[in-house]
N, C-alpha and C. Protein backbone atom coordinates (compact mmCIF):
# COMPACT_ATOMS: atom_id res chain seq x y z
N MET A 1 22.11 27.52 -8.26
CA MET A 1 20.70 27.55 -8.59
C MET A 1 19.90 27.40 -7.32
N SER A 2 19.03 28.27 -7.12
CA SER A 2 18.17 28.18 -5.94
C SER A 2 16.83 27.61 -6.35
N GLY A 3 16.20 26.93 -5.42
CA GLY A 3 14.92 26.31 -5.72
C GLY A 3 13.79 27.06 -5.04
N VAL A 4 12.78 26.33 -4.75
CA VAL A 4 11.60 26.88 -4.09
C VAL A 4 11.96 27.17 -2.64
N PRO A 5 11.51 28.26 -2.06
CA PRO A 5 11.84 28.56 -0.67
C PRO A 5 11.28 27.52 0.29
N LYS A 6 12.04 27.19 1.31
CA LYS A 6 11.62 26.24 2.32
C LYS A 6 11.25 27.03 3.57
N PHE A 7 9.97 27.10 3.87
CA PHE A 7 9.50 27.88 5.00
C PHE A 7 9.73 27.12 6.30
N LYS A 8 10.34 27.81 7.26
CA LYS A 8 10.63 27.20 8.55
C LYS A 8 9.97 28.05 9.62
N LYS A 9 9.48 27.39 10.64
CA LYS A 9 8.80 28.10 11.70
C LYS A 9 8.95 27.30 12.99
N LYS A 10 9.11 28.00 14.08
CA LYS A 10 9.23 27.35 15.38
C LYS A 10 7.93 26.63 15.70
N GLY A 11 8.05 25.38 16.16
CA GLY A 11 6.87 24.60 16.51
C GLY A 11 6.35 23.73 15.38
N ARG A 12 6.91 23.88 14.19
CA ARG A 12 6.47 23.08 13.05
C ARG A 12 7.60 22.15 12.64
N ASP A 13 7.34 20.86 12.68
CA ASP A 13 8.34 19.84 12.36
C ASP A 13 9.58 19.99 13.25
N ASP A 14 9.37 20.14 14.55
CA ASP A 14 10.49 20.23 15.48
C ASP A 14 11.08 18.84 15.69
N SER A 15 12.32 18.65 15.31
CA SER A 15 13.00 17.38 15.53
C SER A 15 14.49 17.59 15.40
N PHE A 16 15.23 16.70 16.06
CA PHE A 16 16.68 16.71 15.93
C PHE A 16 17.19 15.30 16.12
N THR A 17 18.35 15.02 15.53
CA THR A 17 18.95 13.69 15.56
C THR A 17 20.24 13.75 16.34
N LEU A 18 20.45 12.75 17.18
CA LEU A 18 21.66 12.65 17.99
C LEU A 18 22.38 11.36 17.65
N ASP A 19 23.68 11.47 17.43
CA ASP A 19 24.54 10.31 17.20
C ASP A 19 25.58 10.26 18.32
N GLY A 20 26.22 9.13 18.43
CA GLY A 20 27.34 9.07 19.38
C GLY A 20 27.03 8.15 20.55
N SER A 21 27.51 8.57 21.74
CA SER A 21 27.42 7.71 22.93
C SER A 21 26.01 7.78 23.51
N ILE A 22 25.18 6.83 23.12
CA ILE A 22 23.81 6.74 23.61
C ILE A 22 23.74 5.51 24.50
N THR A 23 23.33 5.70 25.76
CA THR A 23 23.26 4.61 26.72
C THR A 23 21.80 4.30 27.01
N VAL A 24 21.49 3.01 27.07
CA VAL A 24 20.12 2.57 27.32
C VAL A 24 20.06 1.97 28.70
N GLY A 25 19.08 2.41 29.51
CA GLY A 25 18.85 1.85 30.83
C GLY A 25 17.57 1.03 30.83
N PHE A 26 16.98 0.80 32.02
CA PHE A 26 15.77 -0.02 32.15
C PHE A 26 14.58 0.68 31.49
N ASN A 27 14.23 1.85 31.94
CA ASN A 27 13.15 2.62 31.32
C ASN A 27 13.61 4.06 31.07
N GLN A 28 14.88 4.21 30.76
CA GLN A 28 15.42 5.54 30.48
C GLN A 28 16.56 5.42 29.47
N ILE A 29 16.87 6.53 28.86
CA ILE A 29 17.94 6.56 27.86
C ILE A 29 18.77 7.81 28.10
N LYS A 30 20.10 7.67 27.98
CA LYS A 30 20.99 8.81 28.18
C LYS A 30 21.38 9.36 26.83
N LEU A 31 20.99 10.61 26.59
CA LEU A 31 21.28 11.27 25.33
C LEU A 31 22.43 12.26 25.55
N PRO A 32 23.36 12.37 24.60
CA PRO A 32 24.44 13.33 24.76
C PRO A 32 23.90 14.76 24.79
N ARG A 33 24.46 15.58 25.66
CA ARG A 33 24.15 16.99 25.86
C ARG A 33 22.79 17.22 26.50
N ILE A 34 21.97 16.17 26.67
CA ILE A 34 20.66 16.32 27.31
C ILE A 34 20.64 15.64 28.66
N GLY A 35 21.15 14.40 28.70
CA GLY A 35 21.17 13.64 29.94
C GLY A 35 20.17 12.49 29.88
N TRP A 36 19.77 12.03 31.08
CA TRP A 36 18.87 10.89 31.17
C TRP A 36 17.44 11.33 30.90
N VAL A 37 16.76 10.60 30.00
CA VAL A 37 15.37 10.88 29.64
C VAL A 37 14.56 9.63 29.95
N LYS A 38 13.48 9.81 30.74
CA LYS A 38 12.63 8.69 31.12
C LYS A 38 11.70 8.33 29.97
N THR A 39 11.50 7.02 29.74
CA THR A 39 10.61 6.55 28.68
C THR A 39 9.47 5.73 29.29
N TYR A 40 8.39 5.64 28.58
CA TYR A 40 7.27 4.84 29.06
C TYR A 40 7.47 3.35 28.78
N GLU A 41 8.20 3.03 27.73
CA GLU A 41 8.45 1.64 27.38
C GLU A 41 9.71 1.15 28.06
N ILE A 42 9.72 -0.13 28.43
CA ILE A 42 10.91 -0.73 29.01
C ILE A 42 11.84 -1.12 27.87
N LEU A 43 13.05 -0.64 27.92
CA LEU A 43 14.01 -0.87 26.84
C LEU A 43 14.91 -2.05 27.19
N GLN A 44 15.32 -2.79 26.18
CA GLN A 44 16.20 -3.94 26.39
C GLN A 44 17.63 -3.46 26.53
N ASP A 45 18.38 -4.12 27.42
CA ASP A 45 19.75 -3.71 27.69
C ASP A 45 20.71 -4.05 26.55
N PHE A 46 20.45 -5.14 25.82
CA PHE A 46 21.40 -5.58 24.80
C PHE A 46 21.26 -4.80 23.50
N VAL A 47 20.28 -3.93 23.38
CA VAL A 47 20.09 -3.14 22.18
C VAL A 47 20.87 -1.83 22.32
N ILE A 48 21.74 -1.57 21.35
CA ILE A 48 22.52 -0.33 21.34
C ILE A 48 22.09 0.47 20.11
N PRO A 49 21.39 1.59 20.32
CA PRO A 49 20.96 2.38 19.16
C PRO A 49 22.12 3.11 18.52
N LYS A 50 22.10 3.16 17.17
CA LYS A 50 23.15 3.89 16.44
C LYS A 50 22.87 5.39 16.46
N SER A 51 21.62 5.78 16.34
CA SER A 51 21.24 7.18 16.42
C SER A 51 19.83 7.28 16.97
N VAL A 52 19.51 8.45 17.48
CA VAL A 52 18.21 8.69 18.09
C VAL A 52 17.66 9.98 17.49
N THR A 53 16.38 9.97 17.10
CA THR A 53 15.71 11.16 16.62
C THR A 53 14.64 11.55 17.64
N VAL A 54 14.73 12.77 18.13
CA VAL A 54 13.75 13.30 19.07
C VAL A 54 12.87 14.27 18.29
N SER A 55 11.55 14.02 18.31
CA SER A 55 10.64 14.87 17.54
C SER A 55 9.45 15.26 18.41
N LYS A 56 8.86 16.39 18.04
CA LYS A 56 7.70 16.90 18.77
C LYS A 56 6.50 16.89 17.82
N LYS A 57 5.45 16.17 18.23
CA LYS A 57 4.22 16.13 17.46
C LYS A 57 3.06 16.22 18.44
N ALA A 58 2.14 17.09 18.15
CA ALA A 58 0.93 17.28 18.95
C ALA A 58 1.28 17.60 20.40
N ASP A 59 2.23 18.52 20.60
CA ASP A 59 2.67 18.97 21.92
C ASP A 59 3.23 17.85 22.79
N ARG A 60 3.74 16.79 22.18
CA ARG A 60 4.39 15.69 22.91
C ARG A 60 5.71 15.38 22.23
N TRP A 61 6.66 14.93 23.03
CA TRP A 61 7.98 14.59 22.51
C TRP A 61 8.07 13.08 22.35
N PHE A 62 8.63 12.65 21.23
CA PHE A 62 8.77 11.23 20.92
C PHE A 62 10.22 10.94 20.58
N ILE A 63 10.67 9.72 20.93
CA ILE A 63 12.02 9.29 20.62
C ILE A 63 11.93 8.07 19.71
N SER A 64 12.65 8.12 18.60
CA SER A 64 12.73 6.96 17.71
C SER A 64 14.19 6.54 17.60
N PHE A 65 14.41 5.23 17.57
CA PHE A 65 15.75 4.66 17.56
C PHE A 65 16.08 4.11 16.19
N LYS A 66 17.34 4.21 15.82
CA LYS A 66 17.86 3.51 14.65
C LYS A 66 18.79 2.44 15.18
N VAL A 67 18.40 1.17 15.02
CA VAL A 67 19.12 0.05 15.60
C VAL A 67 19.62 -0.85 14.49
N GLU A 68 20.83 -1.31 14.59
CA GLU A 68 21.38 -2.25 13.62
C GLU A 68 21.19 -3.65 14.15
N THR A 69 20.56 -4.49 13.35
CA THR A 69 20.32 -5.88 13.75
C THR A 69 20.91 -6.81 12.71
N ALA A 70 21.16 -8.03 13.14
CA ALA A 70 21.67 -9.05 12.23
C ALA A 70 20.51 -9.59 11.40
N THR A 71 20.77 -9.82 10.12
CA THR A 71 19.73 -10.35 9.26
C THR A 71 19.52 -11.83 9.53
N ILE A 72 18.27 -12.24 9.51
CA ILE A 72 17.92 -13.64 9.74
C ILE A 72 17.43 -14.21 8.41
N ILE A 73 18.09 -15.24 7.93
CA ILE A 73 17.71 -15.86 6.67
C ILE A 73 16.66 -16.92 6.96
N THR A 74 15.50 -16.77 6.35
CA THR A 74 14.42 -17.73 6.53
C THR A 74 14.19 -18.48 5.23
N GLU A 75 13.71 -19.70 5.34
CA GLU A 75 13.42 -20.50 4.16
C GLU A 75 12.05 -20.11 3.62
N LYS A 76 11.91 -20.16 2.32
CA LYS A 76 10.64 -19.83 1.70
C LYS A 76 9.68 -21.00 1.88
N SER A 77 8.49 -20.69 2.37
CA SER A 77 7.49 -21.74 2.55
C SER A 77 6.52 -21.79 1.37
N VAL A 78 6.47 -20.74 0.58
CA VAL A 78 5.56 -20.67 -0.56
C VAL A 78 6.36 -20.35 -1.81
N ASP A 79 6.09 -21.11 -2.89
CA ASP A 79 6.76 -20.84 -4.16
C ASP A 79 6.15 -19.59 -4.80
N VAL A 80 6.96 -18.87 -5.52
CA VAL A 80 6.51 -17.64 -6.18
C VAL A 80 6.21 -17.95 -7.63
N VAL A 81 5.09 -17.41 -8.12
CA VAL A 81 4.67 -17.63 -9.49
C VAL A 81 4.40 -16.27 -10.12
N GLY A 82 4.91 -16.06 -11.33
CA GLY A 82 4.62 -14.83 -12.05
C GLY A 82 3.32 -14.95 -12.82
N VAL A 83 2.58 -13.85 -12.91
CA VAL A 83 1.28 -13.85 -13.58
C VAL A 83 1.30 -12.81 -14.70
N ASP A 84 0.85 -13.23 -15.90
CA ASP A 84 0.73 -12.32 -17.03
C ASP A 84 -0.76 -12.18 -17.35
N LEU A 85 -1.31 -10.99 -17.13
CA LEU A 85 -2.71 -10.74 -17.43
C LEU A 85 -2.83 -10.32 -18.89
N GLY A 86 -3.78 -10.92 -19.57
CA GLY A 86 -3.88 -10.64 -21.00
C GLY A 86 -5.30 -10.41 -21.46
N VAL A 87 -5.42 -10.18 -22.78
CA VAL A 87 -6.72 -9.94 -23.38
C VAL A 87 -7.32 -11.25 -23.87
N LYS A 88 -6.52 -12.07 -24.50
CA LYS A 88 -6.99 -13.33 -25.07
C LYS A 88 -7.34 -14.32 -23.97
N THR A 89 -6.48 -14.44 -22.98
CA THR A 89 -6.74 -15.29 -21.81
C THR A 89 -6.72 -14.40 -20.57
N LEU A 90 -7.41 -14.84 -19.54
CA LEU A 90 -7.48 -14.04 -18.32
C LEU A 90 -6.11 -13.93 -17.67
N ALA A 91 -5.43 -15.07 -17.48
CA ALA A 91 -4.11 -15.05 -16.84
C ALA A 91 -3.30 -16.24 -17.32
N THR A 92 -1.99 -16.03 -17.45
CA THR A 92 -1.06 -17.09 -17.78
C THR A 92 0.04 -17.07 -16.73
N LEU A 93 0.25 -18.20 -16.06
CA LEU A 93 1.26 -18.29 -15.01
C LEU A 93 2.61 -18.61 -15.62
N SER A 94 3.67 -18.32 -14.87
CA SER A 94 5.01 -18.61 -15.36
C SER A 94 5.28 -20.11 -15.42
N THR A 95 4.43 -20.92 -14.78
CA THR A 95 4.57 -22.37 -14.86
C THR A 95 3.95 -22.93 -16.12
N GLY A 96 3.22 -22.09 -16.90
CA GLY A 96 2.61 -22.52 -18.14
C GLY A 96 1.12 -22.76 -18.02
N GLU A 97 0.56 -22.66 -16.83
CA GLU A 97 -0.86 -22.89 -16.64
C GLU A 97 -1.64 -21.67 -17.15
N VAL A 98 -2.72 -21.93 -17.90
CA VAL A 98 -3.49 -20.87 -18.53
C VAL A 98 -4.90 -20.87 -17.94
N PHE A 99 -5.39 -19.68 -17.57
CA PHE A 99 -6.75 -19.52 -17.08
C PHE A 99 -7.53 -18.74 -18.13
N ASP A 100 -8.61 -19.38 -18.63
CA ASP A 100 -9.46 -18.71 -19.62
C ASP A 100 -10.39 -17.75 -18.90
N GLY A 101 -10.65 -16.63 -19.55
CA GLY A 101 -11.56 -15.64 -19.00
C GLY A 101 -13.01 -16.06 -19.20
N ALA A 102 -13.91 -15.36 -18.58
CA ALA A 102 -15.33 -15.64 -18.72
C ALA A 102 -15.79 -15.24 -20.12
N LYS A 103 -16.52 -16.11 -20.77
CA LYS A 103 -16.99 -15.88 -22.14
C LYS A 103 -18.47 -15.50 -22.16
N HIS A 104 -18.98 -14.95 -21.07
CA HIS A 104 -20.39 -14.60 -21.00
C HIS A 104 -20.75 -13.55 -22.03
N MET A 105 -19.93 -12.58 -22.22
CA MET A 105 -20.24 -11.48 -23.14
C MET A 105 -20.38 -11.99 -24.56
N GLN A 106 -19.50 -12.89 -24.97
CA GLN A 106 -19.55 -13.44 -26.33
C GLN A 106 -20.83 -14.23 -26.53
N LYS A 107 -21.24 -15.01 -25.51
CA LYS A 107 -22.45 -15.82 -25.61
C LYS A 107 -23.68 -14.93 -25.74
N PHE A 108 -23.77 -13.89 -24.94
CA PHE A 108 -24.92 -13.01 -24.99
C PHE A 108 -24.93 -12.15 -26.26
N ARG A 109 -23.77 -11.82 -26.79
CA ARG A 109 -23.71 -11.06 -28.03
C ARG A 109 -24.28 -11.89 -29.18
N ILE A 110 -23.96 -13.18 -29.22
CA ILE A 110 -24.50 -14.05 -30.27
C ILE A 110 -26.01 -14.18 -30.12
N GLN A 111 -26.51 -14.29 -28.87
CA GLN A 111 -27.95 -14.40 -28.65
C GLN A 111 -28.67 -13.13 -29.11
N THR A 112 -28.13 -11.98 -28.81
CA THR A 112 -28.80 -10.74 -29.21
C THR A 112 -28.78 -10.56 -30.72
N ILE A 113 -27.73 -10.99 -31.39
CA ILE A 113 -27.67 -10.87 -32.84
C ILE A 113 -28.70 -11.78 -33.49
N THR A 114 -28.82 -13.02 -33.00
CA THR A 114 -29.78 -13.95 -33.59
C THR A 114 -31.21 -13.50 -33.36
N ILE A 115 -31.49 -12.80 -32.28
CA ILE A 115 -32.83 -12.29 -32.02
C ILE A 115 -33.08 -11.00 -32.79
N ALA A 116 -32.06 -10.14 -32.91
CA ALA A 116 -32.24 -8.82 -33.50
C ALA A 116 -32.37 -8.84 -35.01
N ILE A 117 -31.77 -9.81 -35.70
CA ILE A 117 -31.81 -9.83 -37.16
C ILE A 117 -33.24 -10.02 -37.69
N PRO A 118 -34.02 -11.00 -37.19
CA PRO A 118 -35.40 -11.11 -37.71
C PRO A 118 -36.27 -9.93 -37.32
N LEU A 119 -36.02 -9.32 -36.17
CA LEU A 119 -36.84 -8.20 -35.73
C LEU A 119 -36.53 -6.91 -36.49
N ALA A 120 -35.40 -6.85 -37.15
CA ALA A 120 -35.03 -5.63 -37.87
C ALA A 120 -35.91 -5.42 -39.10
N ASP A 121 -36.46 -6.51 -39.68
CA ASP A 121 -37.28 -6.40 -40.87
C ASP A 121 -38.73 -6.01 -40.56
N ILE A 122 -39.17 -6.15 -39.31
CA ILE A 122 -40.56 -5.87 -38.94
C ILE A 122 -40.73 -4.37 -38.78
N LYS A 123 -41.74 -3.82 -39.44
CA LYS A 123 -42.03 -2.40 -39.31
C LYS A 123 -43.06 -2.22 -38.21
N PRO A 124 -42.83 -1.27 -37.31
CA PRO A 124 -43.79 -1.11 -36.21
C PRO A 124 -45.12 -0.55 -36.70
N SER A 125 -46.18 -0.99 -36.09
CA SER A 125 -47.51 -0.48 -36.41
C SER A 125 -47.72 0.80 -35.61
N PHE A 126 -48.27 1.81 -36.29
CA PHE A 126 -48.46 3.09 -35.64
C PHE A 126 -49.51 3.02 -34.54
N ARG A 127 -50.42 2.03 -34.63
CA ARG A 127 -51.46 1.92 -33.62
C ARG A 127 -50.90 1.38 -32.31
N LEU A 128 -49.83 0.57 -32.35
CA LEU A 128 -49.27 -0.02 -31.15
C LEU A 128 -48.31 0.92 -30.43
N ILE A 129 -47.83 1.94 -31.11
CA ILE A 129 -46.88 2.83 -30.48
C ILE A 129 -47.60 3.71 -29.47
N GLY A 130 -47.09 3.78 -28.27
CA GLY A 130 -47.66 4.62 -27.22
C GLY A 130 -48.70 3.95 -26.38
N LYS A 131 -49.18 2.75 -26.75
CA LYS A 131 -50.18 2.05 -25.95
C LYS A 131 -49.48 1.06 -25.02
N LYS A 132 -50.00 0.90 -23.85
CA LYS A 132 -49.45 -0.04 -22.87
C LYS A 132 -50.01 -1.43 -23.15
N HIS A 133 -49.15 -2.40 -23.05
CA HIS A 133 -49.57 -3.78 -23.24
C HIS A 133 -50.03 -4.34 -21.92
N SER A 134 -51.11 -5.12 -21.91
CA SER A 134 -51.61 -5.68 -20.65
C SER A 134 -51.33 -7.15 -20.56
């Protein structure tokens, strides 16, 4: 099964990956089949890259390293809490603490109902419609 065609063109997404014997110097790196390449950054001697990707972007060549490092286990300084956002309450934490949401809308809804019910029975006077109150 063939998929969508993949258009390739010289100068677009130019990159290649090199594996194998990669040597790192002070400010240069030795790539297989290419030789010594000078870098602007000072490289550390104890770092041995597993692979190197050389790519061209904006008429400049860039080198990126894939380096294997030892994992460092750190202690957690902050406890993690799960949050459940809801409709009835604003948030409930996994520790059991409950945060109530703002009840402003309910308060104003009751105020508008208590004001609107007596005004619904009043019939507007035709003389007052269209006149500005001073």
